[in-house]
Amino acid sequence: MPPLPLADAPPPDGTLADACGEEPKGLCEWVWERSGNETLAGLADWVIGRPLTAVLILLVAWIVAKVVRRIVRKAIFKVMVVDRDAATRALQRVGVAKDAVTIDDPRRTARATSIATVVTSTCTVAIWVIATLLVLGEIGIDLAPLIAGAGIAGIALGFGAQNLVKDCVAGLFMLIEDQYGIGDSVDLGVASGAVERISLRTTVARGQDGTLWHVPNGEIRRVGNRSKVYSVALLDVHVAYDADLGLTRQVLHDVATAVCESEDYAGDVLAAPELLGVEEIAVDGVTLRLLVRTGPGAQFRVQRALREAIKVGLDRAGVAVLPPPPREASRAASEDGR
């Protein structure tokens, strides 16, 4: 409908500011200019203009949130992809042949999903908070007191939840840096064991005695991961002071090789066993050290098999095996995390 000529328009009922406020909206101003009726212009603004604007704001917020979630998720999955070549090089530096390495990180998807969920949720909340404020502004609510009140409440909440924020931030960085994952055997300082659950706030680990530890992430000052890329089955064998070391080394080498090449343990072993030689000489005996590089977390079962086979082999060879010193026995028990 073409606009009415000014001569034919009804006399204005009040002013534009009275009808549409100090900052008139497009629809309200359009109706007021053509009808000159303050009530009709205000009614059109409240019934059609403001609801339509609010719907558009919410629609845009929904589209932006969906696009942001998609972009963030793809970016995080791309960043969190395991550098297989780097992991292979790390294993080669410790003597593992390239053709013997199969790098597969089953935790990658779970870790990337956890991080993506946190980041996308944060972005989504921020987008909808902004959209809600814009909608409230459209319906005429003064946002200044609301924002000021929210700021004061945020400060108070921040002071009261410092430890919670600290735990969440620490947990996020632990996930990003992949310090450990579910199933890893870890030493968290305050507790050690196999990780059963990880959240932004806590890490849950089960100790060897079955104790379930709930450790706030903000309390973790150091992390010892015994299951990262590869593990090491480390054994110290204590023999009598007058034992034939040449015979002892030969027995250890033969027994360790037989265990590592057996059908039960060949899949866990990444490289041939290394007999490092004499580790310590004491007044009551000699300590020889043996190590075998295994897949992540497989060192415990390999250690147990090696201990049994070494005991049998040395007994048959007539080499006297001594009990480990107290400190060594304590260390061995703590290393057998499962």
Protein backbone atom coordinates (compact mmCIF):
# COMPACT_ATOMS: atom_id res chain seq x y z
CA MET A 1 0.00 0.00 0.00
CA PRO A 2 1.55 3.34 -1.03
CA PRO A 3 2.16 5.83 1.78
CA LEU A 4 -0.60 8.35 2.37
CA PRO A 5 0.13 11.87 1.24
CA LEU A 6 1.01 14.14 4.12
CA ALA A 7 -2.05 16.26 3.38
CA ASP A 8 -4.31 13.21 3.75
CA ALA A 9 -2.59 11.79 6.89
CA PRO A 10 -4.47 12.19 10.15
CA PRO A 11 -3.07 14.71 12.58
CA PRO A 12 -0.38 13.18 14.79
CA ASP A 13 -1.58 11.85 18.13
CA GLY A 14 1.33 12.90 20.33
CA THR A 15 4.94 12.70 19.16
CA LEU A 16 7.13 9.95 17.79
CA ALA A 17 9.00 9.83 21.10
CA ASP A 18 5.74 9.37 22.98
CA ALA A 19 4.71 6.54 20.71
CA CYS A 20 8.00 4.72 20.16
CA GLY A 21 10.41 6.00 22.79
CA GLU A 22 13.69 7.84 22.43
CA GLU A 23 15.04 5.18 20.08
CA PRO A 24 12.09 4.29 17.85
CA LYS A 25 12.00 0.91 16.16
CA GLY A 26 11.44 0.60 12.43
CA LEU A 27 7.92 -0.85 12.54
CA CYS A 28 6.70 1.53 15.25
CA GLU A 29 8.05 4.55 13.40
CA TRP A 30 6.57 3.33 10.11
CA VAL A 31 3.08 2.85 11.63
CA TRP A 32 3.23 6.21 13.46
CA GLU A 33 4.26 8.09 10.30
CA ARG A 34 1.37 6.61 8.36
CA SER A 35 -1.35 6.62 11.00
CA GLY A 36 -0.31 9.37 13.40
CA ASN A 37 -1.83 7.24 16.19
CA GLU A 38 0.37 6.75 19.25
CA THR A 39 -1.66 3.80 20.54
CA LEU A 40 -1.66 1.99 17.20
CA ALA A 41 2.09 2.54 16.73
CA GLY A 42 2.87 1.30 20.25
CA LEU A 43 0.56 -1.70 19.82
CA ALA A 44 2.20 -2.64 16.52
CA ASP A 45 5.62 -2.37 18.15
CA TRP A 46 4.71 -4.60 21.12
CA VAL A 47 2.58 -7.14 19.25
CA ILE A 48 4.62 -7.49 16.06
CA GLY A 49 7.92 -5.57 16.13
CA ARG A 50 9.47 -6.62 19.45
CA PRO A 51 8.38 -10.32 19.31
CA LEU A 52 9.64 -10.55 15.74
CA THR A 53 12.99 -9.03 16.73
CA ALA A 54 13.25 -11.39 19.71
CA VAL A 55 12.52 -14.38 17.49
CA LEU A 56 15.18 -13.24 15.02
CA ILE A 57 17.72 -12.83 17.85
CA LEU A 58 16.98 -16.31 19.14
CA LEU A 59 17.14 -17.78 15.64
CA VAL A 60 20.50 -16.14 14.97
CA ALA A 61 21.77 -17.33 18.37
CA TRP A 62 20.69 -20.89 17.58
CA ILE A 63 22.44 -20.82 14.18
CA VAL A 64 25.61 -19.26 15.62
CA ALA A 65 25.71 -21.78 18.50
CA LYS A 66 25.33 -24.68 16.10
CA VAL A 67 28.04 -23.38 13.76
CA VAL A 68 30.40 -22.64 16.65
CA ARG A 69 29.89 -26.13 18.11
CA ARG A 70 30.68 -27.71 14.77
CA ILE A 71 33.77 -25.56 14.16
CA VAL A 72 35.12 -25.97 17.69
CA ARG A 73 34.58 -29.73 17.69
CA LYS A 74 36.38 -30.17 14.36
CA ALA A 75 39.25 -27.92 15.45
CA ILE A 76 39.71 -29.77 18.75
CA PHE A 77 39.66 -33.19 17.11
CA LYS A 78 42.23 -31.98 14.61
CA VAL A 79 44.51 -30.63 17.34
CA MET A 80 44.12 -33.72 19.54
CA VAL A 81 45.12 -36.20 16.81
CA VAL A 82 48.01 -38.28 18.04
CA ASP A 83 51.31 -37.57 16.32
CA ARG A 84 52.04 -41.17 15.40
CA ASP A 85 55.35 -40.32 13.77
CA ALA A 86 56.51 -38.52 16.92
CA ALA A 87 55.50 -41.47 19.08
CA THR A 88 57.30 -43.86 16.75
CA ARG A 89 60.46 -41.74 16.90
CA ALA A 90 60.25 -41.71 20.69
CA LEU A 91 60.18 -45.51 20.73
CA GLN A 92 62.99 -45.77 18.22
CA ARG A 93 65.18 -43.58 20.43
CA VAL A 94 64.94 -46.21 23.16
CA GLY A 95 65.79 -49.06 20.83
CA VAL A 96 62.39 -50.22 19.59
CA ALA A 97 62.44 -51.16 15.90
CA LYS A 98 60.05 -49.24 13.67
CA ASP A 99 58.46 -52.37 12.20
CA ALA A 100 57.70 -53.59 15.73
CA VAL A 101 55.74 -50.49 16.64
CA THR A 102 52.01 -50.10 16.26
CA ILE A 103 50.93 -46.78 17.73
CA ASP A 104 47.26 -46.70 18.53
CA ASP A 105 45.74 -44.40 21.11
CA PRO A 106 42.22 -45.59 21.97
CA ARG A 107 41.90 -42.72 24.42
CA ARG A 108 42.20 -40.02 21.74
CA THR A 109 38.53 -39.98 20.78
CA ALA A 110 37.35 -40.01 24.39
CA ARG A 111 39.80 -37.27 25.36
CA ALA A 112 38.91 -35.07 22.39
CA THR A 113 35.21 -35.62 23.05
CA SER A 114 35.57 -34.55 26.68
CA ILE A 115 37.45 -31.39 25.79
CA ALA A 116 35.10 -30.56 22.92
CA THR A 117 32.10 -31.00 25.19
CA VAL A 118 33.50 -28.58 27.76
CA VAL A 119 34.55 -25.93 25.23
CA THR A 120 31.38 -26.13 23.14
CA SER A 121 29.20 -25.99 26.26
CA THR A 122 31.04 -22.87 27.41
CA CYS A 123 30.63 -21.21 24.01
CA THR A 124 26.96 -22.19 23.85
CA VAL A 125 26.25 -20.76 27.29
CA ALA A 126 28.01 -17.51 26.39
CA ILE A 127 26.04 -17.18 23.13
CA TRP A 128 22.68 -17.81 24.79
CA VAL A 129 23.44 -15.46 27.68
CA ILE A 130 24.16 -12.67 25.19
CA ALA A 131 21.02 -13.53 23.22
CA THR A 132 18.93 -13.50 26.40
CA LEU A 133 20.24 -10.06 27.35
CA LEU A 134 19.43 -8.74 23.88
CA VAL A 135 15.89 -10.14 24.09
CA LEU A 136 15.38 -8.60 27.53
CA GLY A 137 16.57 -5.30 26.13
CA GLU A 138 14.08 -5.60 23.29
CA ILE A 139 11.13 -5.99 25.66
CA GLY A 140 12.13 -2.86 27.52
CA ILE A 141 13.91 -4.19 30.62
CA ASP A 142 16.72 -1.98 31.86
CA LEU A 143 19.82 -4.12 31.66
CA ALA A 144 22.14 -1.89 33.68
CA PRO A 145 20.94 -3.02 37.15
CA LEU A 146 20.74 -6.62 35.93
CA ILE A 147 24.32 -6.60 34.65
CA ALA A 148 25.57 -4.85 37.77
CA GLY A 149 23.82 -7.40 40.00
CA ALA A 150 25.18 -10.28 37.94
CA GLY A 151 28.67 -8.81 38.23
CA ILE A 152 28.43 -8.60 42.02
CA ALA A 153 27.02 -12.14 42.21
CA GLY A 154 29.83 -13.37 39.94
CA ILE A 155 32.48 -11.81 42.17
CA ALA A 156 30.93 -13.35 45.27
CA LEU A 157 30.65 -16.73 43.55
CA GLY A 158 34.24 -16.48 42.36
CA PHE A 159 35.52 -15.90 45.88
CA GLY A 160 33.44 -18.74 47.25
CA ALA A 161 34.31 -21.23 44.52
CA GLN A 162 38.02 -20.61 44.06
CA ASN A 163 38.92 -24.24 44.68
CA LEU A 164 36.22 -25.43 42.30
CA VAL A 165 37.50 -23.15 39.53
CA LYS A 166 41.05 -24.24 40.28
CA ASP A 167 40.09 -27.91 40.03
CA CYS A 168 38.22 -27.39 36.75
CA VAL A 169 41.01 -25.40 35.12
CA ALA A 170 43.60 -27.99 36.20
CA GLY A 171 41.38 -30.80 34.90
CA LEU A 172 40.95 -29.09 31.54
CA PHE A 173 44.70 -28.72 31.07
CA MET A 174 45.25 -32.33 32.13
CA LEU A 175 42.87 -33.45 29.39
CA ILE A 176 44.42 -31.13 26.81
CA GLU A 177 47.96 -32.26 27.62
CA ASP A 178 46.92 -35.92 27.86
CA GLN A 179 48.84 -36.42 31.09
CA TYR A 180 46.98 -39.67 31.72
CA GLY A 181 43.88 -41.54 30.64
CA ILE A 182 41.43 -44.10 31.91
CA GLY A 183 43.21 -47.38 32.62
CA ASP A 184 46.64 -45.79 33.11
CA SER A 185 48.67 -46.67 36.18
CA VAL A 186 49.63 -43.34 37.73
CA ASP A 187 51.25 -41.83 40.79
CA LEU A 188 49.45 -38.58 41.66
CA GLY A 189 51.52 -37.81 44.73
CA VAL A 190 48.59 -37.96 47.13
CA ALA A 191 47.44 -41.31 45.72
CA SER A 192 48.43 -43.92 43.17
CA GLY A 193 46.66 -46.62 41.25
CA ALA A 194 44.75 -47.32 38.06
CA VAL A 195 42.67 -44.42 36.74
CA GLU A 196 38.98 -45.34 36.55
CA ARG A 197 37.35 -41.99 35.84
CA ILE A 198 38.40 -38.46 34.91
CA SER A 199 36.25 -35.35 35.13
CA LEU A 200 37.03 -31.67 35.10
CA ARG A 201 36.93 -31.57 38.89
CA THR A 202 38.35 -34.90 40.08
CA THR A 203 40.39 -37.91 39.09
CA VAL A 204 39.26 -41.28 40.44
CA ALA A 205 41.98 -43.93 40.85
CA ARG A 206 41.80 -47.36 42.45
CA GLY A 207 44.78 -48.43 44.51
CA GLN A 208 46.30 -51.89 44.58
CA ASP A 209 44.45 -52.69 47.80
CA GLY A 210 41.12 -51.75 46.22
CA THR A 211 40.87 -48.28 47.76
CA LEU A 212 39.06 -45.87 45.46
CA TRP A 213 40.75 -42.47 45.61
CA HIS A 214 38.91 -39.28 44.59
CA VAL A 215 41.60 -36.67 44.03
CA PRO A 216 40.65 -33.04 43.22
CA ASN A 217 42.57 -32.03 40.11
CA GLY A 218 43.71 -28.80 41.73
CA GLU A 219 45.51 -30.81 44.44
CA ILE A 220 47.65 -32.74 41.95
CA ARG A 221 51.14 -31.21 41.88
CA ARG A 222 52.85 -33.93 39.87
CA VAL A 223 51.82 -36.90 37.77
CA GLY A 224 53.83 -40.06 37.24
CA ASN A 225 52.33 -42.07 34.36
CA ARG A 226 53.59 -45.64 34.09
CA SER A 227 51.56 -46.30 30.94
CA LYS A 228 52.54 -43.56 28.47
CA VAL A 229 53.56 -44.70 24.94
CA TYR A 230 55.55 -47.59 26.43
CA SER A 231 56.36 -49.09 29.82
CA VAL A 232 59.41 -50.79 31.30
CA ALA A 233 59.50 -54.04 33.25
CA LEU A 234 62.43 -53.39 35.59
CA LEU A 235 63.85 -56.18 37.74
CA ASP A 236 66.72 -56.15 40.22
CA VAL A 237 68.03 -59.66 40.90
CA HIS A 238 70.03 -60.12 44.11
CA VAL A 239 72.50 -63.00 44.20
CA ALA A 240 75.12 -64.12 46.67
CA TYR A 241 78.40 -62.21 46.84
CA ASP A 242 80.43 -65.21 45.65
CA ALA A 243 78.01 -66.15 42.83
CA ASP A 244 79.39 -66.76 39.34
CA LEU A 245 78.36 -63.50 37.63
CA GLY A 246 79.06 -64.84 34.14
CA LEU A 247 76.76 -67.79 34.70
CA THR A 248 74.17 -65.53 36.36
CA ARG A 249 74.13 -63.15 33.40
CA GLN A 250 73.78 -66.02 30.96
CA VAL A 251 70.86 -67.50 32.90
CA LEU A 252 69.12 -64.13 33.16
CA HIS A 253 69.56 -63.47 29.45
CA ASP A 254 68.32 -66.89 28.38
CA VAL A 255 65.36 -66.93 30.74
CA ALA A 256 64.28 -63.36 29.88
CA THR A 257 64.55 -64.07 26.15
CA ALA A 258 62.47 -67.23 26.50
CA VAL A 259 59.74 -65.41 28.42
CA CYS A 260 59.63 -62.46 26.00
CA GLU A 261 59.43 -64.76 22.97
CA SER A 262 56.77 -67.00 24.48
CA GLU A 263 53.29 -66.97 23.01
CA ASP A 264 51.77 -65.50 26.18
CA TYR A 265 54.01 -62.42 26.36
CA ALA A 266 55.41 -61.78 22.86
CA GLY A 267 52.55 -59.39 22.10
CA ASP A 268 53.37 -57.29 25.17
CA VAL A 269 57.11 -56.94 24.52
CA LEU A 270 58.39 -54.16 22.25
CA ALA A 271 62.11 -54.97 22.25
CA ALA A 272 64.56 -57.65 23.30
CA PRO A 273 65.39 -57.74 27.02
CA GLU A 274 68.41 -55.72 28.13
CA LEU A 275 70.69 -56.99 30.87
CA LEU A 276 72.30 -53.82 32.17
CA GLY A 277 74.76 -55.65 34.39
CA VAL A 278 75.79 -55.12 38.00
CA GLU A 279 73.71 -52.38 39.57
CA GLU A 280 75.01 -52.60 43.14
CA ILE A 281 77.59 -54.44 45.23
CA ALA A 282 76.81 -54.83 48.92
CA VAL A 283 78.44 -56.71 51.75
CA ASP A 284 75.94 -59.53 51.49
CA GLY A 285 75.38 -59.78 47.77
CA VAL A 286 75.39 -58.42 44.23
CA THR A 287 72.46 -56.82 42.38
CA LEU A 288 72.01 -57.21 38.63
CA ARG A 289 69.46 -55.16 36.71
CA LEU A 290 67.30 -56.36 33.84
CA LEU A 291 64.78 -54.32 31.87
CA VAL A 292 62.25 -55.12 29.17
CA ARG A 293 60.30 -52.48 27.25
CA THR A 294 56.64 -53.39 26.96
CA GLY A 295 53.41 -51.93 25.72
CA PRO A 296 51.63 -49.40 27.97
CA GLY A 297 50.56 -51.02 31.23
CA ALA A 298 51.87 -54.50 30.29
CA GLN A 299 54.99 -54.24 32.46
CA PHE A 300 53.32 -55.72 35.55
CA ARG A 301 52.36 -59.07 34.08
CA VAL A 302 55.72 -59.33 32.30
CA GLN A 303 57.57 -58.56 35.56
CA ARG A 304 55.71 -61.29 37.40
CA ALA A 305 56.43 -63.86 34.70
CA LEU A 306 60.11 -62.87 34.62
CA ARG A 307 60.48 -63.12 38.39
CA GLU A 308 59.07 -66.63 38.44
CA ALA A 309 61.12 -67.81 35.47
CA ILE A 310 64.33 -66.22 36.80
CA LYS A 311 63.87 -67.89 40.19
CA VAL A 312 63.41 -71.29 38.56
CA GLY A 313 66.35 -70.76 36.18
CA LEU A 314 68.79 -69.62 38.86
CA ASP A 315 67.78 -72.47 41.14
CA ARG A 316 68.50 -74.97 38.38
CA ALA A 317 71.88 -73.33 37.72
CA GLY A 318 72.77 -73.47 41.40
CA VAL A 319 72.95 -69.69 41.85
CA ALA A 320 71.77 -68.54 45.26
CA VAL A 321 69.07 -65.86 45.03
CA LEU A 322 68.90 -63.45 47.96
CA PRO A 323 65.76 -61.65 49.16
CA PRO A 324 65.67 -58.00 48.10
CA PRO A 325 66.62 -55.32 50.63
CA PRO A 326 63.64 -53.80 52.47
CA ARG A 327 63.69 -50.64 50.40
CA GLU A 328 63.75 -52.64 47.18
CA ALA A 329 60.89 -54.83 48.34
CA SER A 330 58.87 -51.75 49.18
CA ARG A 331 59.61 -50.20 45.80
CA ALA A 332 58.69 -53.39 43.93
CA ALA A 333 55.37 -53.58 45.76
CA SER A 334 54.56 -49.96 44.92
CA GLU A 335 55.51 -50.44 41.25
CA ASP A 336 53.17 -53.41 40.91
CA GLY A 337 50.25 -51.03 40.80
CA ARG A 338 47.84 -53.73 39.70
